[in-house]
Amino acid sequence: MEKNTALPIFEALSSGIRLDVFRLLVRVGPAGMVAGELSAALDIPPTNMSFHLKTLTHAGLVSAEQEGRFQRYRANMALMRELVAYLTEECCAGMPELCGVDTCADGLDC
């Protein structure tokens, strides 16, 4: 991942609400959640949730799939792993084992 790719992702996650939404979607995994469920779970008005989901979708952090009249949102787990790898790839001069970072155990490329 390049810095110019990572920056919009960090910008999208710089909101506490969007970070909460993304973490919740990561927690529920592939099942995802519809916007109304997200609003209820995080006690955020639906209009505000739409704004935050649009930002997360635009950054590529979540995907949306139409289900009847609803949209189901899912975290982009592959992008999350790429972002974590980007943050740790130069740990201890490229030797993460010296930093106590076990990228292999985290499911990242070794």
Protein backbone atom coordinates (compact mmCIF):
# COMPACT_ATOMS: atom_id res chain seq x y z
CA MET A 1 0.00 0.00 0.00
CA GLU A 2 1.19 3.48 -0.81
CA LYS A 3 0.89 6.50 1.47
CA ASN A 4 -1.55 8.19 -0.94
CA THR A 5 -3.80 5.13 -0.68
CA ALA A 6 -3.59 5.00 3.13
CA LEU A 7 -4.33 8.69 3.75
CA PRO A 8 -8.01 8.70 2.69
CA ILE A 9 -8.54 5.55 4.76
CA PHE A 10 -7.10 7.21 7.86
CA GLU A 11 -9.17 10.32 7.16
CA ALA A 12 -12.34 8.20 7.00
CA LEU A 13 -11.47 6.53 10.31
CA SER A 14 -10.57 9.82 12.01
CA SER A 15 -14.20 10.27 13.09
CA GLY A 16 -15.10 8.51 16.31
CA ILE A 17 -18.47 7.50 14.86
CA ARG A 18 -16.98 6.05 11.69
CA LEU A 19 -14.37 4.19 13.72
CA ASP A 20 -17.16 2.72 15.87
CA VAL A 21 -19.14 1.72 12.77
CA PHE A 22 -16.13 0.07 11.15
CA ARG A 23 -15.18 -1.80 14.34
CA LEU A 24 -18.75 -3.04 14.71
CA LEU A 25 -18.77 -4.28 11.13
CA VAL A 26 -15.44 -6.02 11.71
CA ARG A 27 -16.91 -7.63 14.83
CA VAL A 28 -19.97 -9.04 13.03
CA GLY A 29 -17.84 -10.32 10.16
CA PRO A 30 -19.21 -11.48 6.80
CA ALA A 31 -22.85 -11.26 7.89
CA GLY A 32 -22.61 -7.47 7.92
CA MET A 33 -25.47 -5.27 9.06
CA VAL A 34 -28.12 -3.10 7.46
CA ALA A 35 -27.98 0.63 8.12
CA GLY A 36 -30.92 0.55 10.53
CA GLU A 37 -29.24 -2.12 12.64
CA LEU A 38 -26.06 -0.06 12.74
CA SER A 39 -28.01 3.06 13.74
CA ALA A 40 -29.79 1.21 16.54
CA ALA A 41 -26.67 -0.57 17.80
CA LEU A 42 -24.67 2.66 18.01
CA ASP A 43 -27.58 4.98 18.89
CA ILE A 44 -26.93 7.22 15.90
CA PRO A 45 -29.78 8.90 13.96
CA PRO A 46 -30.31 7.26 10.53
CA THR A 47 -29.52 10.47 8.62
CA ASN A 48 -26.17 10.78 10.41
CA MET A 49 -25.46 7.08 9.84
CA SER A 50 -26.02 7.48 6.09
CA PHE A 51 -23.45 10.27 5.96
CA HIS A 52 -20.85 8.17 7.80
CA LEU A 53 -21.54 5.02 5.78
CA LYS A 54 -21.11 7.00 2.56
CA THR A 55 -17.70 8.19 3.73
CA LEU A 56 -16.61 4.69 4.75
CA THR A 57 -17.84 3.27 1.45
CA HIS A 58 -16.07 5.96 -0.56
CA ALA A 59 -12.81 5.14 1.27
CA GLY A 60 -13.28 1.46 0.41
CA LEU A 61 -13.52 0.40 4.05
CA VAL A 62 -17.04 -0.98 3.68
CA SER A 63 -19.08 -2.39 0.84
CA ALA A 64 -22.83 -2.11 0.40
CA GLU A 65 -25.11 -4.72 -1.12
CA GLN A 66 -28.76 -4.11 -1.92
CA GLU A 67 -31.19 -6.39 -0.06
CA GLY A 68 -34.70 -5.47 -1.07
CA ARG A 69 -35.22 -1.93 0.22
CA PHE A 70 -32.19 -2.10 2.51
CA GLN A 71 -28.45 -1.96 2.05
CA ARG A 72 -26.28 -4.46 3.90
CA TYR A 73 -22.85 -3.12 4.84
CA ARG A 74 -19.76 -5.24 5.35
CA ALA A 75 -16.23 -4.36 6.41
CA ASN A 76 -13.55 -4.72 3.77
CA MET A 77 -11.37 -7.13 5.73
CA ALA A 78 -8.74 -7.38 2.99
CA LEU A 79 -8.23 -3.61 3.02
CA MET A 80 -8.02 -3.62 6.81
CA ARG A 81 -5.26 -6.26 6.66
CA GLU A 82 -3.43 -4.22 4.01
CA LEU A 83 -3.62 -1.15 6.24
CA VAL A 84 -2.25 -3.04 9.25
CA ALA A 85 0.55 -4.43 7.06
CA TYR A 86 1.32 -0.91 5.83
CA LEU A 87 1.59 0.32 9.42
CA THR A 88 3.89 -2.50 10.49
CA GLU A 89 5.95 -3.27 7.39
CA GLU A 90 8.90 -1.16 8.48
CA CYS A 91 8.69 -2.04 12.14
CA CYS A 92 12.20 -2.35 13.55
CA ALA A 93 13.84 -1.74 10.16
CA GLY A 94 11.71 -4.35 8.42
CA MET A 95 12.19 -7.02 11.08
CA PRO A 96 8.86 -7.05 12.96
CA GLU A 97 9.98 -10.01 15.09
CA LEU A 98 12.26 -7.54 16.93
CA CYS A 99 9.27 -5.34 17.79
CA GLY A 100 7.11 -8.11 19.15
CA VAL A 101 4.77 -7.84 16.15
CA ASP A 102 3.75 -11.25 14.85
CA THR A 103 2.25 -10.45 11.46
CA CYS A 104 1.97 -14.13 10.59
CA ALA A 105 -0.29 -14.75 13.59
CA ASP A 106 -2.40 -11.76 12.54
CA GLY A 107 -3.13 -13.37 9.17
CA LEU A 108 -0.88 -10.99 7.25
CA ASP A 109 1.58 -12.00 4.59
CA CYS A 110 4.85 -13.27 6.05
